[in-house]
Protein backbone atom coordinates (compact mmCIF):
# COMPACT_ATOMS: atom_id res chain seq x y z
CA UNK A 1 39.73 -19.61 16.23
CA UNK A 2 38.77 -17.26 13.39
CA UNK A 3 38.86 -20.18 10.95
CA UNK A 4 36.54 -22.24 13.16
CA UNK A 5 34.21 -19.28 13.44
CA UNK A 6 33.86 -18.93 9.68
CA UNK A 7 33.59 -22.71 9.24
CA UNK A 8 30.64 -22.70 11.62
CA UNK A 9 29.01 -19.89 9.64
CA UNK A 10 29.45 -21.87 6.41
CA UNK A 11 27.85 -24.95 7.98
CA UNK A 12 24.91 -22.88 9.20
CA UNK A 13 24.54 -21.27 5.76
CA UNK A 14 24.54 -24.70 4.10
CA UNK A 15 21.89 -25.96 6.50
CA UNK A 16 19.71 -22.94 5.74
CA UNK A 17 20.13 -23.51 2.00
CA UNK A 18 19.23 -27.18 2.34
CA UNK A 19 16.17 -26.23 4.37
CA UNK A 20 14.97 -23.78 1.71
CA UNK A 21 15.63 -26.32 -1.05
CA UNK A 22 13.52 -28.87 0.79
CA UNK A 23 10.69 -26.36 1.17
CA UNK A 24 10.92 -25.51 -2.52
CA UNK A 25 10.27 -29.17 -3.32
CA UNK A 26 7.23 -29.20 -1.05
CA UNK A 27 5.75 -25.96 -2.35
CA UNK A 28 5.84 -24.35 -5.77
CA UNK A 29 6.23 -20.73 -4.71
CA UNK A 30 6.37 -19.59 -8.32
CA UNK A 31 2.92 -21.03 -8.93
CA UNK A 32 1.65 -19.47 -5.71
CA UNK A 33 3.04 -16.09 -6.80
CA UNK A 34 1.36 -16.33 -10.20
CA UNK A 35 -1.98 -17.19 -8.65
CA UNK A 36 -1.68 -14.44 -6.03
CA UNK A 37 -1.26 -11.83 -8.75
CA UNK A 38 -4.11 -13.35 -10.76
CA UNK A 39 -6.42 -12.88 -7.75
CA UNK A 40 -6.32 -9.11 -8.20
CA UNK A 41 -7.79 -9.43 -11.66
CA UNK A 42 -10.80 -11.00 -9.98
CA UNK A 43 -11.08 -7.92 -7.75
CA UNK A 44 -10.96 -5.35 -10.53
CA UNK A 45 -13.64 -2.73 -10.84
CA UNK A 46 -14.50 -0.70 -13.92
CA UNK A 47 -14.06 -1.32 -17.63
CA UNK A 48 -11.83 -4.36 -17.96
CA UNK A 49 -9.00 -4.53 -20.50
CA UNK A 50 -8.70 -7.06 -23.31
CA UNK A 51 -5.83 -8.67 -21.38
CA UNK A 52 -8.16 -9.72 -18.53
CA UNK A 53 -7.34 -13.36 -17.71
CA UNK A 54 -10.15 -14.18 -15.25
CA UNK A 55 -12.79 -13.89 -17.94
CA UNK A 56 -15.79 -14.57 -15.71
CA UNK A 57 -15.19 -11.19 -14.08
CA UNK A 58 -16.98 -8.60 -16.21
CA UNK A 59 -17.17 -4.81 -16.41
CA UNK A 60 -18.69 -3.31 -13.27
CA UNK A 61 -19.49 0.00 -11.55
CA UNK A 62 -20.16 1.73 -14.86
CA UNK A 63 -22.62 4.54 -15.47
CA UNK A 64 -23.06 5.71 -11.88
CA UNK A 65 -21.92 9.23 -12.64
CA UNK A 66 -19.87 9.30 -9.45
CA UNK A 67 -16.91 7.18 -10.44
CA UNK A 68 -15.06 6.43 -13.64
CA UNK A 69 -14.38 2.94 -12.35
CA UNK A 70 -11.08 1.28 -11.66
CA UNK A 71 -9.41 0.20 -8.47
CA UNK A 72 -10.13 -2.95 -6.52
CA UNK A 73 -13.01 -4.32 -4.50
CA UNK A 74 -11.36 -5.00 -1.18
CA UNK A 75 -13.00 -8.32 -0.38
CA UNK A 76 -16.03 -10.44 -1.26
CA UNK A 77 -18.58 -7.68 -1.75
CA UNK A 78 -18.93 -5.03 -4.42
CA UNK A 79 -17.39 -2.25 -2.35
CA UNK A 80 -14.19 -0.27 -2.73
CA UNK A 81 -12.55 1.18 0.37
CA UNK A 82 -9.82 3.67 -0.48
CA UNK A 83 -7.95 3.41 2.80
CA UNK A 84 -7.38 -0.39 2.66
CA UNK A 85 -6.76 -0.11 -1.09
CA UNK A 86 -4.05 2.48 -0.47
CA UNK A 87 -2.37 0.13 2.00
CA UNK A 88 -2.66 -2.85 -0.34
CA UNK A 89 -1.17 -0.90 -3.23
CA UNK A 90 1.67 0.41 -1.07
CA UNK A 91 2.50 -3.13 0.05
CA UNK A 92 2.39 -4.46 -3.50
CA UNK A 93 4.71 -1.68 -4.63
CA UNK A 94 7.05 -2.38 -1.73
CA UNK A 95 7.15 -6.05 -2.75
CA UNK A 96 8.00 -5.16 -6.34
CA UNK A 97 10.80 -2.85 -5.20
CA UNK A 98 12.31 -5.60 -3.06
CA UNK A 99 11.76 -8.63 -5.29
CA UNK A 100 10.74 -7.37 -8.73
CA UNK A 101 13.96 -8.52 -10.37
CA UNK A 102 13.24 -12.11 -9.29
CA UNK A 103 9.59 -12.18 -10.43
CA UNK A 104 10.49 -13.27 -13.94
CA UNK A 105 7.49 -13.47 -16.30
CA UNK A 106 5.15 -12.31 -13.54
CA UNK A 107 6.73 -8.87 -13.30
CA UNK A 108 4.59 -7.34 -16.10
CA UNK A 109 1.43 -8.74 -14.49
CA UNK A 110 2.48 -7.34 -11.11
CA UNK A 111 3.21 -3.92 -12.58
CA UNK A 112 -0.23 -4.02 -14.23
CA UNK A 113 -1.75 -4.82 -10.83
CA UNK A 114 -0.05 -1.79 -9.28
CA UNK A 115 -1.09 0.48 -12.12
CA UNK A 116 -4.74 -0.64 -11.99
CA UNK A 117 -4.89 0.87 -8.52
CA UNK A 118 -2.74 3.97 -9.07
CA UNK A 119 -4.70 4.93 -12.19
CA UNK A 120 -7.77 4.91 -9.96
CA UNK A 121 -6.11 7.09 -7.33
CA UNK A 122 -5.01 9.52 -10.02
CA UNK A 123 -8.60 10.21 -11.04
CA UNK A 124 -9.90 13.66 -10.05
CA UNK A 125 -12.60 13.43 -7.36
CA UNK A 126 -16.24 13.79 -8.45
CA UNK A 127 -18.04 17.15 -8.34
CA UNK A 128 -21.00 15.83 -6.36
CA UNK A 129 -19.95 16.40 -2.77
CA UNK A 130 -23.05 18.32 -1.71
CA UNK A 131 -25.38 15.63 -3.05
CA UNK A 132 -23.42 12.86 -1.38
CA UNK A 133 -23.33 14.74 1.91
CA UNK A 134 -27.09 15.17 1.84
CA UNK A 135 -27.47 11.48 1.12
CA UNK A 136 -25.19 10.67 4.02
CA UNK A 137 -27.08 12.89 6.42
CA UNK A 138 -30.38 11.35 5.40
CA UNK A 139 -28.89 7.83 5.44
CA UNK A 140 -30.45 7.35 2.03
CA UNK A 141 -27.81 5.08 0.57
CA UNK A 142 -28.87 2.70 -2.19
CA UNK A 143 -26.66 -0.20 -3.13
CA UNK A 144 -27.71 -2.48 -5.95
CA UNK A 145 -25.87 -5.78 -5.69
CA UNK A 146 -25.44 -8.10 -8.63
CA UNK A 147 -23.04 -10.73 -9.79
CA UNK A 148 -19.89 -10.49 -11.91
CA UNK A 149 -21.64 -8.43 -14.54
CA UNK A 150 -22.35 -4.74 -15.12
CA UNK A 151 -23.95 -3.31 -11.96
CA UNK A 152 -24.26 0.10 -10.31
CA UNK A 153 -22.95 1.18 -6.93
CA UNK A 154 -22.90 4.62 -5.30
CA UNK A 155 -19.45 4.57 -3.76
CA UNK A 156 -20.47 7.07 -1.17
CA UNK A 157 -17.73 7.54 1.36
CA UNK A 158 -14.80 5.96 -0.42
CA UNK A 159 -14.90 8.63 -3.13
CA UNK A 160 -16.25 11.48 -1.04
CA UNK A 161 -13.53 11.28 1.59
CA UNK A 162 -10.88 11.95 -1.00
CA UNK A 163 -12.23 15.52 -1.26
CA UNK A 164 -12.41 16.44 2.41
CA UNK A 165 -9.78 17.90 4.73
CA UNK A 166 -8.65 15.00 6.88
CA UNK A 167 -5.49 13.87 8.61
CA UNK A 168 -5.91 10.40 7.16
CA UNK A 169 -5.79 11.79 3.65
CA UNK A 170 -2.07 12.14 4.16
CA UNK A 171 -1.85 8.36 4.01
CA UNK A 172 -3.31 8.34 0.50
CA UNK A 173 -0.08 9.73 -0.97
CA UNK A 174 1.83 6.61 0.02
CA UNK A 175 0.67 4.26 -2.76
CA UNK A 176 1.38 6.93 -5.36
CA UNK A 177 4.82 7.68 -3.94
CA UNK A 178 5.71 4.00 -3.57
CA UNK A 179 4.47 3.20 -7.07
CA UNK A 180 6.50 6.09 -8.48
CA UNK A 181 9.64 4.31 -7.26
CA UNK A 182 8.45 1.07 -8.85
CA UNK A 183 7.87 2.51 -12.31
CA UNK A 184 11.07 4.52 -12.12
CA UNK A 185 12.99 1.32 -11.37
CA UNK A 186 11.25 -0.71 -14.08
CA UNK A 187 11.29 1.56 -17.08
CA UNK A 188 8.29 3.92 -17.07
CA UNK A 189 9.85 7.16 -15.88
CA UNK A 190 7.12 9.35 -17.34
CA UNK A 191 4.38 7.60 -15.35
CA UNK A 192 6.66 7.63 -12.31
CA UNK A 193 6.93 11.41 -12.55
CA UNK A 194 3.13 11.78 -12.78
CA UNK A 195 2.67 9.63 -9.67
CA UNK A 196 5.27 11.55 -7.68
CA UNK A 197 3.79 14.92 -8.61
CA UNK A 198 0.30 13.85 -7.54
CA UNK A 199 1.62 12.28 -4.34
CA UNK A 200 3.30 15.56 -3.45
CA UNK A 201 0.12 17.56 -4.08
CA UNK A 202 -2.04 15.19 -2.02
CA UNK A 203 0.39 15.32 0.87
CA UNK A 204 0.60 19.11 0.77
CA UNK A 205 -3.18 19.41 0.68
CA UNK A 206 -3.68 17.05 3.59
CA UNK A 207 -0.94 18.69 5.61
CA UNK A 208 -2.46 22.13 5.07
CA UNK A 209 -6.08 21.18 5.78
CA UNK A 210 -5.96 19.01 8.84
CA UNK A 211 -9.00 17.55 10.52
CA UNK A 212 -10.96 14.36 11.12
CA UNK A 213 -13.57 12.36 9.27
CA UNK A 214 -16.23 13.23 11.82
CA UNK A 215 -15.54 16.96 11.70
CA UNK A 216 -15.55 16.99 7.88
CA UNK A 217 -18.65 14.90 7.25
CA UNK A 218 -20.84 15.35 10.30
CA UNK A 219 -23.26 13.03 12.11
CA UNK A 220 -24.33 11.23 8.94
CA UNK A 221 -20.98 9.46 8.84
CA UNK A 222 -21.22 7.87 12.26
CA UNK A 223 -22.87 4.58 11.19
CA UNK A 224 -20.33 4.07 8.43
CA UNK A 225 -16.94 4.93 9.91
CA UNK A 226 -14.95 3.02 12.47
CA UNK A 227 -12.14 4.90 14.14
CA UNK A 228 -9.27 2.81 15.44
CA UNK A 229 -7.56 4.26 18.51
CA UNK A 230 -5.50 1.28 19.60
CA UNK A 231 -1.88 1.20 18.48
CA UNK A 232 -0.04 -2.10 18.79
CA UNK A 233 3.60 -2.53 17.91
CA UNK A 234 2.92 -6.24 17.23
CA UNK A 235 0.36 -5.58 14.50
CA UNK A 236 0.70 -4.56 10.89
CA UNK A 237 -2.26 -3.77 8.67
CA UNK A 238 -4.08 -1.06 6.77
CA UNK A 239 -5.13 0.72 9.98
CA UNK A 240 -1.85 0.25 11.87
CA UNK A 241 1.30 0.78 9.81
CA UNK A 242 3.80 1.61 12.53
CA UNK A 243 5.60 -1.72 12.20
CA UNK A 244 6.19 -1.13 8.49
CA UNK A 245 7.62 2.31 9.20
CA UNK A 246 9.97 0.83 11.79
CA UNK A 247 11.22 -1.80 9.34
CA UNK A 248 11.77 0.70 6.52
CA UNK A 249 13.57 3.20 8.73
CA UNK A 250 15.68 0.38 10.18
CA UNK A 251 16.75 -0.63 6.68
CA UNK A 252 17.80 2.95 5.96
CA UNK A 253 19.64 3.15 9.28
CA UNK A 254 21.55 -0.07 8.67
CA UNK A 255 22.46 0.89 5.11
CA UNK A 256 23.88 4.20 6.35
CA UNK A 257 25.63 2.97 9.52
CA UNK A 258 23.39 4.95 11.88
CA UNK A 259 22.65 2.13 14.31
CA UNK A 260 23.43 4.14 17.44
CA UNK A 261 21.14 7.07 16.64
CA UNK A 262 17.65 5.59 16.54
CA UNK A 263 15.22 3.37 18.48
CA UNK A 264 13.66 2.06 15.27
CA UNK A 265 15.91 -1.02 15.17
CA UNK A 266 14.63 -2.32 18.49
CA UNK A 267 11.04 -1.55 17.47
CA UNK A 268 11.48 -3.53 14.28
CA UNK A 269 13.15 -6.41 16.15
CA UNK A 270 10.31 -6.56 18.66
CA UNK A 271 7.72 -6.65 15.89
CA UNK A 272 9.44 -9.50 14.05
CA UNK A 273 9.93 -11.51 17.25
CA UNK A 274 6.29 -11.03 18.28
CA UNK A 275 4.85 -11.97 14.91
CA UNK A 276 7.35 -14.67 13.98
CA UNK A 277 8.57 -16.23 17.22
CA UNK A 278 9.42 -19.46 15.40
CA UNK A 279 10.60 -20.14 11.85
CA UNK A 280 9.84 -17.19 9.52
CA UNK A 281 8.74 -19.68 6.87
CA UNK A 282 6.23 -21.44 9.12
CA UNK A 283 3.50 -18.84 8.64
CA UNK A 284 4.06 -18.62 4.90
CA UNK A 285 3.97 -22.41 4.49
CA UNK A 286 0.84 -22.70 6.63
CA UNK A 287 -1.42 -21.30 3.90
CA UNK A 288 -0.16 -23.54 1.06
CA UNK A 289 -0.74 -26.70 3.10
CA UNK A 290 1.64 -27.16 6.05
CA UNK A 291 -1.19 -27.35 8.57
CA UNK A 292 -3.16 -30.04 10.45
CA UNK A 293 -5.72 -30.35 7.64
CA UNK A 294 -3.07 -30.49 4.89
CA UNK A 295 -5.22 -27.88 3.19
CA UNK A 296 -4.23 -24.98 1.02
CA UNK A 297 -6.00 -21.77 1.99
CA UNK A 298 -5.21 -20.29 -1.40
CA UNK A 299 -7.88 -21.00 -3.99
CA UNK A 300 -6.52 -22.98 -6.92
CA UNK A 301 -3.24 -23.92 -5.25
CA UNK A 302 -2.72 -27.61 -4.55
CA UNK A 303 -5.37 -30.33 -4.63
CA UNK A 304 -7.28 -29.42 -1.47
CA UNK A 305 -8.40 -25.79 -1.27
CA UNK A 306 -11.61 -23.85 -0.34
CA UNK A 307 -14.49 -24.34 -2.79
CA UNK A 308 -17.15 -22.11 -1.21
CA UNK A 309 -15.48 -18.75 -0.88
CA UNK A 310 -17.43 -15.83 0.56
CA UNK A 311 -17.31 -13.75 -2.59
CA UNK A 312 -20.29 -12.37 -4.48
CA UNK A 313 -18.83 -12.42 -7.99
CA UNK A 314 -17.31 -15.86 -7.54
CA UNK A 315 -20.43 -17.46 -6.08
CA UNK A 316 -22.94 -16.08 -8.60
CA UNK A 317 -23.08 -17.23 -12.23
CA UNK A 318 -21.20 -15.09 -14.71
CA UNK A 319 -23.14 -13.04 -17.23
CA UNK A 320 -21.91 -15.49 -19.86
CA UNK A 321 -23.87 -18.24 -18.15
CA UNK A 322 -26.74 -16.11 -16.80
CA UNK A 323 -27.32 -13.01 -18.96
CA UNK A 324 -30.60 -12.21 -17.20
CA UNK A 325 -30.66 -9.53 -14.50
CA UNK A 326 -30.22 -10.77 -10.93
CA UNK A 327 -32.09 -8.68 -8.37
CA UNK A 328 -30.48 -7.59 -5.12
CA UNK A 329 -31.96 -10.52 -3.17
CA UNK A 330 -31.82 -12.83 -6.15
CA UNK A 331 -28.41 -14.09 -5.16
CA UNK A 332 -29.59 -15.59 -1.85
CA UNK A 333 -30.09 -19.15 -3.21
CA UNK A 334 -26.55 -19.12 -4.57
CA UNK A 335 -25.21 -17.72 -1.31
CA UNK A 336 -26.86 -20.46 0.76
CA UNK A 337 -26.08 -23.25 -1.69
CA UNK A 338 -23.73 -26.04 -0.66
CA UNK A 339 -22.34 -26.26 -4.18
CA UNK A 340 -18.82 -25.03 -4.99
CA UNK A 341 -18.54 -21.51 -6.40
CA UNK A 342 -19.14 -21.55 -10.15
CA UNK A 343 -16.31 -19.06 -10.80
CA UNK A 344 -12.86 -19.99 -9.53
CA UNK A 345 -11.32 -16.98 -7.77
CA UNK A 346 -7.79 -18.10 -8.50
CA UNK A 347 -5.19 -17.05 -5.95
CA UNK A 348 -7.63 -15.82 -3.29
CA UNK A 349 -6.41 -16.41 0.27
CA UNK A 350 -9.33 -16.88 2.65
CA UNK A 351 -9.55 -15.85 6.29
CA UNK A 352 -8.40 -19.30 7.36
CA UNK A 353 -9.02 -21.82 10.12
CA UNK A 354 -10.44 -21.37 13.58
CA UNK A 355 -8.27 -21.14 16.69
CA UNK A 356 -8.22 -24.95 16.91
CA UNK A 357 -7.09 -25.25 13.26
CA UNK A 358 -10.49 -26.52 12.12
CA UNK A 359 -11.96 -25.14 8.91
CA UNK A 360 -15.53 -25.31 7.64
CA UNK A 361 -15.71 -24.65 3.93
CA UNK A 362 -18.83 -22.49 4.14
CA UNK A 363 -19.31 -19.20 2.28
CA UNK A 364 -21.83 -18.04 4.88
CA UNK A 365 -19.00 -17.78 7.42
CA UNK A 366 -17.28 -14.65 6.12
CA UNK A 367 -14.70 -14.66 8.93
CA UNK A 368 -13.05 -17.83 7.67
CA UNK A 369 -14.02 -17.96 3.98
CA UNK A 370 -13.71 -14.37 2.74
CA UNK A 371 -10.57 -13.26 0.88
CA UNK A 372 -9.24 -9.71 0.96
CA UNK A 373 -6.72 -7.76 -1.08
CA UNK A 374 -4.80 -6.71 2.02
CA UNK A 375 -4.19 -10.34 3.00
CA UNK A 376 -2.88 -11.30 -0.42
CA UNK A 377 -0.75 -8.16 -0.82
CA UNK A 378 1.25 -9.09 2.28
CA UNK A 379 2.06 -12.53 0.86
CA UNK A 380 3.56 -10.99 -2.29
């Protein structure tokens, strides 16, 4: 009986291996990984390094006086949101901790992607809070939008909120703490120590000075801040991380034989079953092309992928091709054009198809055609 039991397990294991081998033939996951990491170079803000591979993306957000630059634009517009960026960086770090040893030649690029964000979070906040608060109260925000060239942007709330007492500030220590584990595991212990020390200070500060965005900033913040009050155990994203906590705690519980002492295992099981009721590879394979349109929703992957991505820098000509200044409304003809984007945003994963699996390759429709860092981070 025992022999038959183990024989059955071996057969099942072989079938799983054959299934994964077949999928590997259909999709080049190594190529998809490389392109996913490359996407973040297209989202970089600040003074770009000489190693920049997406060369149409140029220096940006320089000379404002409010920000030294760095970090990532979260989506298709020239805006950085610290809260989603913190989540994206935490997820990327988590992915490196789990799979870094299998990333091969892409590991250095992935570590560089993590560090581009953590260097930004390590910056001291600006000393202009009173000015920014007055601007917020008067709703006198000025955003000058240009293409993938040097442009200015007052990053009002994303930088200001790092200075204010707020319960959500406690979540900003996570990317630093997670990244500290990454660099400790992959050879940069000095940088790891710096990250851990700053993470500890941020957490202590936030824990000591508790409050809310509204209480800290006042009525001027109301048009710009969305507070999420719904908590769903079947969701996982930058504004609802409970599922990730359940999975991490469950891993710790299982590794330490504590199964009978916690409800986290059942919470994690429920999340996985709700999100992936069928094959766990079905959702991952959907984006590369296993869908009714046989279309890849990752830019640059496969032969059939989105050409008109909702992305300002990708859809406007690079400064190499158009060195003249583009006014704020000067990009409208490019935005409305039916032509493919002139700059290929390699590795970007767009919003995806409609509920009926139809997809209109139209940059005007941001819901379906806009990529975000927090979508791509989850795929890594």
